[in-house]
Amino acid sequence: MKGWCFTATNEPLQLLDIDEPVPGPGEVLLDVKAAGLCHSDVGVMTDPIWMDRIGFTPLILGHEIAGVVSALGPGVDGVKIGDRVGVCPSVGVGTPGFQRHGGFTSKFAAKVVELVPVPDHLSLDLAALGTDAGMTAYHAMVSRGRVEAGMKVGVIGFGGLGQIGARVAVVRGAEVHVAEPNEAAWPAARAAGVADIVPDASAWAGKGFDLIVDYAGFDTTTRAAVKAVRRHGRVVLVGMARLEFTLDTMPVILSEIEFLGSAGGTPQDIAEVYELLVAGHITPTVTVIDFLDIANGLDDLRHHRITGRLVSRPG
């Protein structure tokens, strides 16, 4: 089978022939129907720090996976051939596209513990998006941020994650403000029901937010978030645009700010995101591309030419 493979930092992905996987005990074989493209894929390709976390090369990338079960490994119960499922990438059994081959291919061996049933009325394109972009955005806002009705919430970055996180907060009854430099994304933010939009989170200094979730992580964005929350406020960092940054610790200490990181989520998070998608409460912007366009799509992500998320379909 063909797979888009990472071979070395700052080298282009290569479309290589890889042996088709055979499901082992506790595994199923999926026909991959949709695979999301993520900024984390770009990070793997361009930042040397990721090499220490990569299982091997050449490695098929892609950790947002949805498909149809086509074969069962030994001892598999509770799953049947033909089931439509998403794959949770963060259950501790080796992340697809990092520790083992991922979803930028046609066949994927999934462990049963990773599987999340896809509701009948949900497209597999959205199901793939929900496995990481949806899960990660939701987990940061709900599980880590503990958003509640009536809270004043800031969302930094209205991209693939921020558009989902902002909408989740709106649905839960929060007053949501967005910081997004790309004005082309502002109409979608307004349509999501946010109260206000600014180009830079530094405009929020002293505004007394209860919670800010930084889906960008550009150093300056995180420092701005700390200066914008109230005493005992909460900042959740999700974005990894910069893997190191400096922080003014005085407001963190004197205002006793709760500063949290958020990574991934759980199968239950994905299931709840799927419910919101089916109900139409969140309607992320998604562009579907051909399997052969994955390398170009990742380059578009790298250079910020994409609004929302990209999902590929194997040919």
Foldseek 3Di string as FASTA:
>chain_A
DWAFWAADAQDFTDTDDDDFDDAAPQKFKWFWFKFWDDVVLVCCRHPPVLVVQAQDPRAGATQLTWGFTQGDHPPDPPDDGGFTWTFQQPPPPAGDRGNHHHDLDGMDIGGPQGTAGFDPQDDRHVLSLLNFLVQQLQCQCCVVVVAAAAFEEEEEDCAQNSLNNQLVNVVRHYAYEYADLPVVCVVSSVVSPHDYYHPALLVQAPVAGQEYEYQAPPQRRQQSRLRRHAQQHEYEYEHPPDVDYDHDCVSCPVSVYHYYYTHGHHSVSSVVSSVCVSVVSRDWDEDEDESVCSSVVSVCVVVVVDGHIYMYGYD
